[in-house]
Amino acid sequence: SAIMADGPEDLLTLTENAQPAIMANAMATLQVLESEFGVRLADHAA
């Protein structure tokens, strides 16, 4: 999370960091949607 927030960019773009970072960012977005706004993916996605 610190690398995502502050870099350096070359460390974030390393494949082994970029892949879990992109996943974490998307899952954080989904968690906010589900837990704070009550919109569950399973109820709204085909």
PDB file of all heavy atoms in Angstrom:
ATOM      1  N   SER A   1       0.821  -1.214   0.000  1.00  0.00           N
ATOM      2  CA  SER A   1       0.000   0.000   0.000  1.00  0.00           C
ATOM      3  C   SER A   1       0.853   1.260   0.000  1.00  0.00           C
ATOM      4  O   SER A   1       0.481   2.277  -0.599  1.00  0.00           O
ATOM      5  CB  SER A   1      -0.947   0.010   1.203  1.00  0.00           C
ATOM      6  OG  SER A   1      -0.216  -0.066   2.413  1.00  0.00           O
ATOM      7  N   ALA A   2       2.010   1.219   0.648  1.00  0.00           N
ATOM      8  CA  ALA A   2       2.911   2.374   0.662  1.00  0.00           C
ATOM      9  C   ALA A   2       3.535   2.586  -0.710  1.00  0.00           C
ATOM     10  O   ALA A   2       3.709   3.730  -1.160  1.00  0.00           O
ATOM     11  CB  ALA A   2       4.000   2.181   1.713  1.00  0.00           C
ATOM     12  N   ILE A   3       3.862   1.484  -1.386  1.00  0.00           N
ATOM     13  CA  ILE A   3       4.410   1.593  -2.748  1.00  0.00           C
ATOM     14  C   ILE A   3       3.348   2.144  -3.686  1.00  0.00           C
ATOM     15  O   ILE A   3       3.628   2.978  -4.555  1.00  0.00           O
ATOM     16  CB  ILE A   3       4.908   0.218  -3.233  1.00  0.00           C
ATOM     17  CG1 ILE A   3       6.040  -0.287  -2.331  1.00  0.00           C
ATOM     18  CG2 ILE A   3       5.379   0.291  -4.687  1.00  0.00           C
ATOM     19  CD1 ILE A   3       6.458  -1.728  -2.610  1.00  0.00           C
ATOM     20  N   MET A   4       2.105   1.691  -3.507  1.00  0.00           N
ATOM     21  CA  MET A   4       1.003   2.200  -4.324  1.00  0.00           C
ATOM     22  C   MET A   4       0.811   3.691  -4.101  1.00  0.00           C
ATOM     23  O   MET A   4       0.588   4.453  -5.048  1.00  0.00           O
ATOM     24  CB  MET A   4      -0.285   1.447  -3.984  1.00  0.00           C
ATOM     25  CG  MET A   4      -0.282  -0.014  -4.385  1.00  0.00           C
ATOM     26  SD  MET A   4      -1.649  -0.959  -3.648  1.00  0.00           S
ATOM     27  CE  MET A   4      -3.075  -0.178  -4.427  1.00  0.00           C
ATOM     28  N   ALA A   5       0.919   4.114  -2.862  1.00  0.00           N
ATOM     29  CA  ALA A   5       0.658   5.512  -2.522  1.00  0.00           C
ATOM     30  C   ALA A   5       1.791   6.440  -2.941  1.00  0.00           C
ATOM     31  O   ALA A   5       1.563   7.525  -3.489  1.00  0.00           O
ATOM     32  CB  ALA A   5       0.391   5.642  -1.026  1.00  0.00           C
ATOM     33  N   ASP A   6       3.025   6.002  -2.673  1.00  0.00           N
ATOM     34  CA  ASP A   6       4.164   6.920  -2.793  1.00  0.00           C
ATOM     35  C   ASP A   6       5.230   6.490  -3.793  1.00  0.00           C
ATOM     36  O   ASP A   6       6.191   7.218  -4.016  1.00  0.00           O
ATOM     37  CB  ASP A   6       4.827   7.085  -1.421  1.00  0.00           C
ATOM     38  CG  ASP A   6       3.852   7.593  -0.361  1.00  0.00           C
ATOM     39  OD1 ASP A   6       3.073   8.509  -0.682  1.00  0.00           O
ATOM     40  OD2 ASP A   6       3.876   7.071   0.768  1.00  0.00           O
ATOM     41  N   GLY A   7       5.101   5.311  -4.367  1.00  0.00           N
ATOM     42  CA  GLY A   7       6.118   4.844  -5.290  1.00  0.00           C
ATOM     43  C   GLY A   7       7.327   4.283  -4.563  1.00  0.00           C
ATOM     44  O   GLY A   7       7.222   3.845  -3.415  1.00  0.00           O
ATOM     45  N   PRO A   8       8.491   4.273  -5.213  1.00  0.00           N
ATOM     46  CA  PRO A   8       8.755   4.847  -6.540  1.00  0.00           C
ATOM     47  C   PRO A   8       8.052   4.080  -7.662  1.00  0.00           C
ATOM     48  O   PRO A   8       7.723   2.907  -7.514  1.00  0.00           O
ATOM     49  CB  PRO A   8      10.280   4.733  -6.678  1.00  0.00           C
ATOM     50  CG  PRO A   8      10.639   3.570  -5.820  1.00  0.00           C
ATOM     51  CD  PRO A   8       9.704   3.619  -4.653  1.00  0.00           C
ATOM     52  N   GLU A   9       7.863   4.766  -8.775  1.00  0.00           N
ATOM     53  CA  GLU A   9       7.097   4.199  -9.882  1.00  0.00           C
ATOM     54  C   GLU A   9       7.712   2.905 -10.405  1.00  0.00           C
ATOM     55  O   GLU A   9       6.990   1.954 -10.731  1.00  0.00           O
ATOM     56  CB  GLU A   9       6.989   5.220 -11.015  1.00  0.00           C
ATOM     57  CG  GLU A   9       6.099   4.753 -12.157  1.00  0.00           C
ATOM     58  CD  GLU A   9       5.886   5.826 -13.209  1.00  0.00           C
ATOM     59  OE1 GLU A   9       6.437   6.939 -13.054  1.00  0.00           O
ATOM     60  OE2 GLU A   9       5.175   5.544 -14.182  1.00  0.00           O
ATOM     61  N   ASP A  10       9.060   2.854 -10.489  1.00  0.00           N
ATOM     62  CA  ASP A  10       9.676   1.649 -11.032  1.00  0.00           C
ATOM     63  C   ASP A  10       9.453   0.433 -10.140  1.00  0.00           C
ATOM     64  O   ASP A  10       9.390  -0.699 -10.616  1.00  0.00           O
ATOM     65  CB  ASP A  10      11.171   1.858 -11.300  1.00  0.00           C
ATOM     66  CG  ASP A  10      11.965   2.237 -10.054  1.00  0.00           C
ATOM     67  OD1 ASP A  10      11.355   2.560  -9.023  1.00  0.00           O
ATOM     68  OD2 ASP A  10      13.209   2.219 -10.121  1.00  0.00           O
ATOM     69  N   LEU A  11       9.276   0.667  -8.837  1.00  0.00           N
ATOM     70  CA  LEU A  11       8.990  -0.432  -7.923  1.00  0.00           C
ATOM     71  C   LEU A  11       7.532  -0.884  -8.065  1.00  0.00           C
ATOM     72  O   LEU A  11       7.236  -2.080  -8.030  1.00  0.00           O
ATOM     73  CB  LEU A  11       9.279  -0.003  -6.481  1.00  0.00           C
ATOM     74  CG  LEU A  11       9.288  -1.103  -5.412  1.00  0.00           C
ATOM     75  CD1 LEU A  11      10.274  -2.207  -5.764  1.00  0.00           C
ATOM     76  CD2 LEU A  11       9.625  -0.504  -4.049  1.00  0.00           C
ATOM     77  N   LEU A  12       6.635   0.066  -8.255  1.00  0.00           N
ATOM     78  CA  LEU A  12       5.226  -0.277  -8.448  1.00  0.00           C
ATOM     79  C   LEU A  12       5.007  -1.022  -9.756  1.00  0.00           C
ATOM     80  O   LEU A  12       4.187  -1.943  -9.822  1.00  0.00           O
ATOM     81  CB  LEU A  12       4.360   0.992  -8.423  1.00  0.00           C
ATOM     82  CG  LEU A  12       2.865   0.800  -8.689  1.00  0.00           C
ATOM     83  CD1 LEU A  12       2.236  -0.117  -7.642  1.00  0.00           C
ATOM     84  CD2 LEU A  12       2.147   2.150  -8.730  1.00  0.00           C
ATOM     85  N   THR A  13       5.746  -0.645 -10.799  1.00  0.00           N
ATOM     86  CA  THR A  13       5.517  -1.259 -12.102  1.00  0.00           C
ATOM     87  C   THR A  13       6.184  -2.628 -12.252  1.00  0.00           C
ATOM     88  O   THR A  13       5.932  -3.310 -13.248  1.00  0.00           O
ATOM     89  CB  THR A  13       6.009  -0.344 -13.245  1.00  0.00           C
ATOM     90  OG1 THR A  13       7.377   0.009 -13.015  1.00  0.00           O
ATOM     91  CG2 THR A  13       5.187   0.923 -13.318  1.00  0.00           C
ATOM     92  N   LEU A  14       7.002  -3.038 -11.285  1.00  0.00           N
ATOM     93  CA  LEU A  14       7.489  -4.412 -11.298  1.00  0.00           C
ATOM     94  C   LEU A  14       6.282  -5.345 -11.349  1.00  0.00           C
ATOM     95  O   LEU A  14       5.338  -5.200 -10.571  1.00  0.00           O
ATOM     96  CB  LEU A  14       8.309  -4.716 -10.044  1.00  0.00           C
ATOM     97  CG  LEU A  14       9.761  -4.244  -9.999  1.00  0.00           C
ATOM     98  CD1 LEU A  14      10.366  -4.584  -8.639  1.00  0.00           C
ATOM     99  CD2 LEU A  14      10.572  -4.889 -11.109  1.00  0.00           C
ATOM    100  N   THR A  15       6.330  -6.306 -12.238  1.00  0.00           N
ATOM    101  CA  THR A  15       5.174  -7.172 -12.452  1.00  0.00           C
ATOM    102  C   THR A  15       4.667  -7.805 -11.163  1.00  0.00           C
ATOM    103  O   THR A  15       3.454  -7.894 -10.934  1.00  0.00           O
ATOM    104  CB  THR A  15       5.539  -8.270 -13.477  1.00  0.00           C
ATOM    105  OG1 THR A  15       5.950  -7.633 -14.688  1.00  0.00           O
ATOM    106  CG2 THR A  15       4.366  -9.170 -13.765  1.00  0.00           C
ATOM    107  N   GLU A  16       5.582  -8.234 -10.297  1.00  0.00           N
ATOM    108  CA  GLU A  16       5.168  -8.912  -9.067  1.00  0.00           C
ATOM    109  C   GLU A  16       4.481  -7.971  -8.090  1.00  0.00           C
ATOM    110  O   GLU A  16       3.760  -8.425  -7.192  1.00  0.00           O
ATOM    111  CB  GLU A  16       6.363  -9.584  -8.398  1.00  0.00           C
ATOM    112  CG  GLU A  16       7.424  -8.634  -7.894  1.00  0.00           C
ATOM    113  CD  GLU A  16       8.588  -9.373  -7.252  1.00  0.00           C
ATOM    114  OE1 GLU A  16       9.453  -9.873  -7.989  1.00  0.00           O
ATOM    115  OE2 GLU A  16       8.610  -9.448  -6.022  1.00  0.00           O
ATOM    116  N   ASN A  17       4.683  -6.660  -8.241  1.00  0.00           N
ATOM    117  CA  ASN A  17       3.982  -5.677  -7.403  1.00  0.00           C
ATOM    118  C   ASN A  17       2.746  -5.125  -8.097  1.00  0.00           C
ATOM    119  O   ASN A  17       1.703  -4.922  -7.464  1.00  0.00           O
ATOM    120  CB  ASN A  17       4.918  -4.525  -7.040  1.00  0.00           C
ATOM    121  CG  ASN A  17       6.028  -4.943  -6.093  1.00  0.00           C
ATOM    122  OD1 ASN A  17       5.867  -5.879  -5.315  1.00  0.00           O
ATOM    123  ND2 ASN A  17       7.154  -4.268  -6.164  1.00  0.00           N
ATOM    124  N   ALA A  18       2.870  -4.878  -9.402  1.00  0.00           N
ATOM    125  CA  ALA A  18       1.752  -4.283 -10.135  1.00  0.00           C
ATOM    126  C   ALA A  18       0.523  -5.173 -10.113  1.00  0.00           C
ATOM    127  O   ALA A  18      -0.607  -4.691  -9.942  1.00  0.00           O
ATOM    128  CB  ALA A  18       2.165  -3.997 -11.581  1.00  0.00           C
ATOM    129  N   GLN A  19       0.723  -6.498 -10.250  1.00  0.00           N
ATOM    130  CA  GLN A  19      -0.433  -7.380 -10.334  1.00  0.00           C
ATOM    131  C   GLN A  19      -1.258  -7.396  -9.040  1.00  0.00           C
ATOM    132  O   GLN A  19      -2.476  -7.163  -9.087  1.00  0.00           O
ATOM    133  CB  GLN A  19       0.018  -8.781 -10.751  1.00  0.00           C
ATOM    134  CG  GLN A  19       0.582  -8.805 -12.168  1.00  0.00           C
ATOM    135  CD  GLN A  19       0.617 -10.189 -12.784  1.00  0.00           C
ATOM    136  OE1 GLN A  19      -0.086 -11.102 -12.375  1.00  0.00           O
ATOM    137  NE2 GLN A  19       1.436 -10.346 -13.811  1.00  0.00           N
ATOM    138  N   PRO A  20      -0.656  -7.634  -7.872  1.00  0.00           N
ATOM    139  CA  PRO A  20      -1.476  -7.563  -6.657  1.00  0.00           C
ATOM    140  C   PRO A  20      -1.967  -6.156  -6.340  1.00  0.00           C
ATOM    141  O   PRO A  20      -3.036  -5.991  -5.741  1.00  0.00           O
ATOM    142  CB  PRO A  20      -0.547  -8.104  -5.558  1.00  0.00           C
ATOM    143  CG  PRO A  20       0.829  -8.008  -6.104  1.00  0.00           C
ATOM    144  CD  PRO A  20       0.704  -8.143  -7.585  1.00  0.00           C
ATOM    145  N   ALA A  21      -1.225  -5.129  -6.746  1.00  0.00           N
ATOM    146  CA  ALA A  21      -1.655  -3.755  -6.482  1.00  0.00           C
ATOM    147  C   ALA A  21      -2.935  -3.409  -7.236  1.00  0.00           C
ATOM    148  O   ALA A  21      -3.867  -2.812  -6.680  1.00  0.00           O
ATOM    149  CB  ALA A  21      -0.541  -2.773  -6.857  1.00  0.00           C
ATOM    150  N   ILE A  22      -2.982  -3.784  -8.496  1.00  0.00           N
ATOM    151  CA  ILE A  22      -4.174  -3.507  -9.306  1.00  0.00           C
ATOM    152  C   ILE A  22      -5.375  -4.268  -8.746  1.00  0.00           C
ATOM    153  O   ILE A  22      -6.492  -3.738  -8.673  1.00  0.00           O
ATOM    154  CB  ILE A  22      -3.899  -3.877 -10.776  1.00  0.00           C
ATOM    155  CG1 ILE A  22      -2.854  -2.925 -11.361  1.00  0.00           C
ATOM    156  CG2 ILE A  22      -5.179  -3.848 -11.598  1.00  0.00           C
ATOM    157  CD1 ILE A  22      -2.218  -3.421 -12.640  1.00  0.00           C
ATOM    158  N   MET A  23      -5.135  -5.504  -8.352  1.00  0.00           N
ATOM    159  CA  MET A  23      -6.202  -6.297  -7.732  1.00  0.00           C
ATOM    160  C   MET A  23      -6.692  -5.649  -6.444  1.00  0.00           C
ATOM    161  O   MET A  23      -7.897  -5.500  -6.218  1.00  0.00           O
ATOM    162  CB  MET A  23      -5.689  -7.712  -7.465  1.00  0.00           C
ATOM    163  CG  MET A  23      -6.694  -8.656  -6.821  1.00  0.00           C
ATOM    164  SD  MET A  23      -6.870  -8.534  -5.007  1.00  0.00           S
ATOM    165  CE  MET A  23      -5.218  -8.982  -4.463  1.00  0.00           C
ATOM    166  N   ALA A  24      -5.751  -5.236  -5.576  1.00  0.00           N
ATOM    167  CA  ALA A  24      -6.121  -4.639  -4.294  1.00  0.00           C
ATOM    168  C   ALA A  24      -6.941  -3.372  -4.496  1.00  0.00           C
ATOM    169  O   ALA A  24      -7.931  -3.128  -3.782  1.00  0.00           O
ATOM    170  CB  ALA A  24      -4.866  -4.336  -3.478  1.00  0.00           C
ATOM    171  N   ASN A  25      -6.561  -2.564  -5.460  1.00  0.00           N
ATOM    172  CA  ASN A  25      -7.285  -1.326  -5.728  1.00  0.00           C
ATOM    173  C   ASN A  25      -8.719  -1.598  -6.169  1.00  0.00           C
ATOM    174  O   ASN A  25      -9.668  -0.947  -5.710  1.00  0.00           O
ATOM    175  CB  ASN A  25      -6.544  -0.521  -6.797  1.00  0.00           C
ATOM    176  CG  ASN A  25      -7.089   0.872  -6.976  1.00  0.00           C
ATOM    177  OD1 ASN A  25      -7.237   1.622  -6.018  1.00  0.00           O
ATOM    178  ND2 ASN A  25      -7.397   1.225  -8.208  1.00  0.00           N
ATOM    179  N   ALA A  26      -8.887  -2.578  -7.051  1.00  0.00           N
ATOM    180  CA  ALA A  26     -10.227  -2.922  -7.519  1.00  0.00           C
ATOM    181  C   ALA A  26     -11.070  -3.529  -6.405  1.00  0.00           C
ATOM    182  O   ALA A  26     -12.267  -3.223  -6.261  1.00  0.00           O
ATOM    183  CB  ALA A  26     -10.134  -3.885  -8.697  1.00  0.00           C
ATOM    184  N   MET A  27     -10.456  -4.401  -5.588  1.00  0.00           N
ATOM    185  CA  MET A  27     -11.202  -5.022  -4.500  1.00  0.00           C
ATOM    186  C   MET A  27     -11.557  -4.019  -3.402  1.00  0.00           C
ATOM    187  O   MET A  27     -12.603  -4.140  -2.763  1.00  0.00           O
ATOM    188  CB  MET A  27     -10.411  -6.193  -3.921  1.00  0.00           C
ATOM    189  CG  MET A  27     -10.359  -7.407  -4.842  1.00  0.00           C
ATOM    190  SD  MET A  27     -12.003  -8.016  -5.337  1.00  0.00           S
ATOM    191  CE  MET A  27     -12.700  -8.427  -3.729  1.00  0.00           C
ATOM    192  N   ALA A  28     -10.701  -3.027  -3.190  1.00  0.00           N
ATOM    193  CA  ALA A  28     -11.039  -1.964  -2.237  1.00  0.00           C
ATOM    194  C   ALA A  28     -12.261  -1.194  -2.732  1.00  0.00           C
ATOM    195  O   ALA A  28     -13.165  -0.849  -1.952  1.00  0.00           O
ATOM    196  CB  ALA A  28      -9.853  -1.031  -2.049  1.00  0.00           C
ATOM    197  N   THR A  29     -12.296  -0.938  -4.029  1.00  0.00           N
ATOM    198  CA  THR A  29     -13.445  -0.251  -4.623  1.00  0.00           C
ATOM    199  C   THR A  29     -14.718  -1.058  -4.424  1.00  0.00           C
ATOM    200  O   THR A  29     -15.766  -0.528  -4.032  1.00  0.00           O
ATOM    201  CB  THR A  29     -13.190  -0.022  -6.129  1.00  0.00           C
ATOM    202  OG1 THR A  29     -11.955   0.667  -6.305  1.00  0.00           O
ATOM    203  CG2 THR A  29     -14.312   0.805  -6.749  1.00  0.00           C
ATOM    204  N   LEU A  30     -14.632  -2.353  -4.675  1.00  0.00           N
ATOM    205  CA  LEU A  30     -15.798  -3.222  -4.498  1.00  0.00           C
ATOM    206  C   LEU A  30     -16.216  -3.291  -3.028  1.00  0.00           C
ATOM    207  O   LEU A  30     -17.419  -3.271  -2.718  1.00  0.00           O
ATOM    208  CB  LEU A  30     -15.484  -4.625  -5.018  1.00  0.00           C
ATOM    209  CG  LEU A  30     -16.601  -5.658  -4.862  1.00  0.00           C
ATOM    210  CD1 LEU A  30     -17.864  -5.241  -5.607  1.00  0.00           C
ATOM    211  CD2 LEU A  30     -16.129  -7.039  -5.335  1.00  0.00           C
ATOM    212  N   GLN A  31     -15.241  -3.361  -2.131  1.00  0.00           N
ATOM    213  CA  GLN A  31     -15.567  -3.445  -0.708  1.00  0.00           C
ATOM    214  C   GLN A  31     -16.295  -2.196  -0.229  1.00  0.00           C
ATOM    215  O   GLN A  31     -17.236  -2.282   0.573  1.00  0.00           O
ATOM    216  CB  GLN A  31     -14.287  -3.658   0.114  1.00  0.00           C
ATOM    217  CG  GLN A  31     -14.528  -3.919   1.590  1.00  0.00           C
ATOM    218  CD  GLN A  31     -15.377  -5.154   1.838  1.00  0.00           C
ATOM    219  OE1 GLN A  31     -15.246  -6.140   1.116  1.00  0.00           O
ATOM    220  NE2 GLN A  31     -16.239  -5.117   2.825  1.00  0.00           N
ATOM    221  N   VAL A  32     -15.878  -1.047  -0.706  1.00  0.00           N
ATOM    222  CA  VAL A  32     -16.579   0.200  -0.361  1.00  0.00           C
ATOM    223  C   VAL A  32     -18.010   0.153  -0.885  1.00  0.00           C
ATOM    224  O   VAL A  32     -18.967   0.494  -0.177  1.00  0.00           O
ATOM    225  CB  VAL A  32     -15.826   1.425  -0.930  1.00  0.00           C
ATOM    226  CG1 VAL A  32     -16.660   2.694  -0.761  1.00  0.00           C
ATOM    227  CG2 VAL A  32     -14.477   1.591  -0.245  1.00  0.00           C
ATOM    228  N   LEU A  33     -18.168  -0.268  -2.123  1.00  0.00           N
ATOM    229  CA  LEU A  33     -19.501  -0.350  -2.730  1.00  0.00           C
ATOM    230  C   LEU A  33     -20.408  -1.276  -1.932  1.00  0.00           C
ATOM    231  O   LEU A  33     -21.577  -0.946  -1.669  1.00  0.00           O
ATOM    232  CB  LEU A  33     -19.365  -0.848  -4.170  1.00  0.00           C
ATOM    233  CG  LEU A  33     -20.641  -0.966  -4.999  1.00  0.00           C
ATOM    234  CD1 LEU A  33     -21.268   0.399  -5.233  1.00  0.00           C
ATOM    235  CD2 LEU A  33     -20.348  -1.656  -6.329  1.00  0.00           C
ATOM    236  N   GLU A  34     -19.869  -2.420  -1.503  1.00  0.00           N
ATOM    237  CA  GLU A  34     -20.695  -3.409  -0.818  1.00  0.00           C
ATOM    238  C   GLU A  34     -20.943  -3.053   0.638  1.00  0.00           C
ATOM    239  O   GLU A  34     -22.078  -3.119   1.126  1.00  0.00           O
ATOM    240  CB  GLU A  34     -20.032  -4.787  -0.921  1.00  0.00           C
ATOM    241  CG  GLU A  34     -20.033  -5.343  -2.340  1.00  0.00           C
ATOM    242  CD  GLU A  34     -19.689  -6.818  -2.412  1.00  0.00           C
ATOM    243  OE1 GLU A  34     -18.969  -7.322  -1.524  1.00  0.00           O
ATOM    244  OE2 GLU A  34     -20.149  -7.474  -3.373  1.00  0.00           O
ATOM    245  N   SER A  35     -19.886  -2.671   1.372  1.00  0.00           N
ATOM    246  CA  SER A  35     -20.024  -2.500   2.815  1.00  0.00           C
ATOM    247  C   SER A  35     -20.542  -1.124   3.210  1.00  0.00           C
ATOM    248  O   SER A  35     -21.241  -0.986   4.219  1.00  0.00           O
ATOM    249  CB  SER A  35     -18.690  -2.771   3.516  1.00  0.00           C
ATOM    250  OG  SER A  35     -17.729  -1.806   3.165  1.00  0.00           O
ATOM    251  N   GLU A  36     -20.219  -0.103   2.434  1.00  0.00           N
ATOM    252  CA  GLU A  36     -20.637   1.254   2.815  1.00  0.00           C
ATOM    253  C   GLU A  36     -21.897   1.715   2.097  1.00  0.00           C
ATOM    254  O   GLU A  36     -22.592   2.607   2.581  1.00  0.00           O
ATOM    255  CB  GLU A  36     -19.490   2.233   2.569  1.00  0.00           C
ATOM    256  CG  GLU A  36     -18.249   1.916   3.412  1.00  0.00           C
ATOM    257  CD  GLU A  36     -17.308   3.098   3.553  1.00  0.00           C
ATOM    258  OE1 GLU A  36     -17.691   4.225   3.155  1.00  0.00           O
ATOM    259  OE2 GLU A  36     -16.199   2.891   4.067  1.00  0.00           O
ATOM    260  N   PHE A  37     -22.191   1.106   0.952  1.00  0.00           N
ATOM    261  CA  PHE A  37     -23.377   1.538   0.199  1.00  0.00           C
ATOM    262  C   PHE A  37     -24.385   0.417  -0.010  1.00  0.00           C
ATOM    263  O   PHE A  37     -25.435   0.624  -0.625  1.00  0.00           O
ATOM    264  CB  PHE A  37     -22.955   2.139  -1.144  1.00  0.00           C
ATOM    265  CG  PHE A  37     -22.178   3.420  -1.017  1.00  0.00           C
ATOM    266  CD1 PHE A  37     -20.791   3.410  -1.000  1.00  0.00           C
ATOM    267  CD2 PHE A  37     -22.832   4.634  -0.857  1.00  0.00           C
ATOM    268  CE1 PHE A  37     -20.069   4.574  -0.857  1.00  0.00           C
ATOM    269  CE2 PHE A  37     -22.124   5.818  -0.721  1.00  0.00           C
ATOM    270  CZ  PHE A  37     -20.733   5.787  -0.710  1.00  0.00           C
ATOM    271  N   GLY A  38     -24.070  -0.767   0.498  1.00  0.00           N
ATOM    272  CA  GLY A  38     -25.033  -1.863   0.467  1.00  0.00           C
ATOM    273  C   GLY A  38     -25.327  -2.442  -0.898  1.00  0.00           C
ATOM    274  O   GLY A  38     -26.357  -3.097  -1.091  1.00  0.00           O
ATOM    275  N   VAL A  39     -24.413  -2.215  -1.865  1.00  0.00           N
ATOM    276  CA  VAL A  39     -24.605  -2.739  -3.214  1.00  0.00           C
ATOM    277  C   VAL A  39     -23.725  -3.983  -3.371  1.00  0.00           C
ATOM    278  O   VAL A  39     -22.516  -3.877  -3.535  1.00  0.00           O
ATOM    279  CB  VAL A  39     -24.245  -1.697  -4.284  1.00  0.00           C
ATOM    280  CG1 VAL A  39     -24.396  -2.293  -5.692  1.00  0.00           C
ATOM    281  CG2 VAL A  39     -25.122  -0.463  -4.136  1.00  0.00           C
ATOM    282  N   ARG A  40     -24.324  -5.166  -3.287  1.00  0.00           N
ATOM    283  CA  ARG A  40     -23.582  -6.420  -3.383  1.00  0.00           C
ATOM    284  C   ARG A  40     -23.463  -6.856  -4.840  1.00  0.00           C
ATOM    285  O   ARG A  40     -24.457  -6.871  -5.573  1.00  0.00           O
ATOM    286  CB  ARG A  40     -24.266  -7.517  -2.568  1.00  0.00           C
ATOM    287  CG  ARG A  40     -24.261  -7.274  -1.075  1.00  0.00           C
ATOM    288  CD  ARG A  40     -24.948  -8.415  -0.330  1.00  0.00           C
ATOM    289  NE  ARG A  40     -24.211  -9.671  -0.472  1.00  0.00           N
ATOM    290  CZ  ARG A  40     -24.637 -10.718  -1.175  1.00  0.00           C
ATOM    291  NH1 ARG A  40     -25.803 -10.666  -1.818  1.00  0.00           N
ATOM    292  NH2 ARG A  40     -23.910 -11.817  -1.236  1.00  0.00           N
ATOM    293  N   LEU A  41     -22.257  -7.193  -5.236  1.00  0.00           N
ATOM    294  CA  LEU A  41     -22.029  -7.631  -6.609  1.00  0.00           C
ATOM    295  C   LEU A  41     -22.966  -8.773  -6.986  1.00  0.00           C
ATOM    296  O   LEU A  41     -23.550  -8.769  -8.076  1.00  0.00           O
ATOM    297  CB  LEU A  41     -20.567  -8.043  -6.779  1.00  0.00           C
ATOM    298  CG  LEU A  41     -20.124  -8.527  -8.165  1.00  0.00           C
ATOM    299  CD1 LEU A  41     -18.655  -8.188  -8.408  1.00  0.00           C
ATOM    300  CD2 LEU A  41     -20.320 -10.035  -8.348  1.00  0.00           C
ATOM    301  N   ALA A  42     -23.120  -9.738  -6.103  1.00  0.00           N
ATOM    302  CA  ALA A  42     -23.929 -10.914  -6.415  1.00  0.00           C
ATOM    303  C   ALA A  42     -25.388 -10.569  -6.701  1.00  0.00           C
ATOM    304  O   ALA A  42     -26.083 -11.314  -7.401  1.00  0.00           O
ATOM    305  CB  ALA A  42     -23.850 -11.927  -5.273  1.00  0.00           C
ATOM    306  N   ASP A  43     -25.851  -9.430  -6.179  1.00  0.00           N
ATOM    307  CA  ASP A  43     -27.237  -9.018  -6.390  1.00  0.00           C
ATOM    308  C   ASP A  43     -27.430  -8.213  -7.669  1.00  0.00           C
ATOM    309  O   ASP A  43     -28.558  -8.068  -8.143  1.00  0.00           O
ATOM    310  CB  ASP A  43     -27.730  -8.173  -5.208  1.00  0.00           C
ATOM    311  CG  ASP A  43     -27.780  -8.953  -3.914  1.00  0.00           C
ATOM    312  OD1 ASP A  43     -27.923 -10.190  -3.971  1.00  0.00           O
ATOM    313  OD2 ASP A  43     -27.666  -8.317  -2.838  1.00  0.00           O
ATOM    314  N   HIS A  44     -26.327  -7.660  -8.200  1.00  0.00           N
ATOM    315  CA  HIS A  44     -26.459  -6.714  -9.310  1.00  0.00           C
ATOM    316  C   HIS A  44     -25.681  -7.092 -10.558  1.00  0.00           C
ATOM    317  O   HIS A  44     -25.771  -6.388 -11.567  1.00  0.00           O
ATOM    318  CB  HIS A  44     -26.018  -5.317  -8.841  1.00  0.00           C
ATOM    319  CG  HIS A  44     -26.905  -4.722  -7.799  1.00  0.00           C
ATOM    320  ND1 HIS A  44     -28.073  -4.044  -8.094  1.00  0.00           N
ATOM    321  CD2 HIS A  44     -26.806  -4.722  -6.439  1.00  0.00           C
ATOM    322  CE1 HIS A  44     -28.648  -3.641  -6.972  1.00  0.00           C
ATOM    323  NE2 HIS A  44     -27.906  -4.038  -5.952  1.00  0.00           N
ATOM    324  N   ALA A  45     -24.898  -8.164 -10.516  1.00  0.00           N
ATOM    325  CA  ALA A  45     -24.107  -8.576 -11.680  1.00  0.00           C
ATOM    326  C   ALA A  45     -24.620  -9.898 -12.230  1.00  0.00           C
ATOM    327  O   ALA A  45     -24.809 -10.858 -11.484  1.00  0.00           O
ATOM    328  CB  ALA A  45     -22.631  -8.708 -11.295  1.00  0.00           C
ATOM    329  N   ALA A  46     -24.809  -9.941 -13.540  1.00  0.00           N
ATOM    330  CA  ALA A  46     -25.168 -11.196 -14.202  1.00  0.00           C
ATOM    331  C   ALA A  46     -23.923 -12.043 -14.442  1.00  0.00           C
ATOM    332  O   ALA A  46     -24.008 -13.275 -14.526  1.00  0.00           O
ATOM    333  CB  ALA A  46     -25.856 -10.904 -15.524  1.00  0.00           C
TER     334      ALA A  46
END
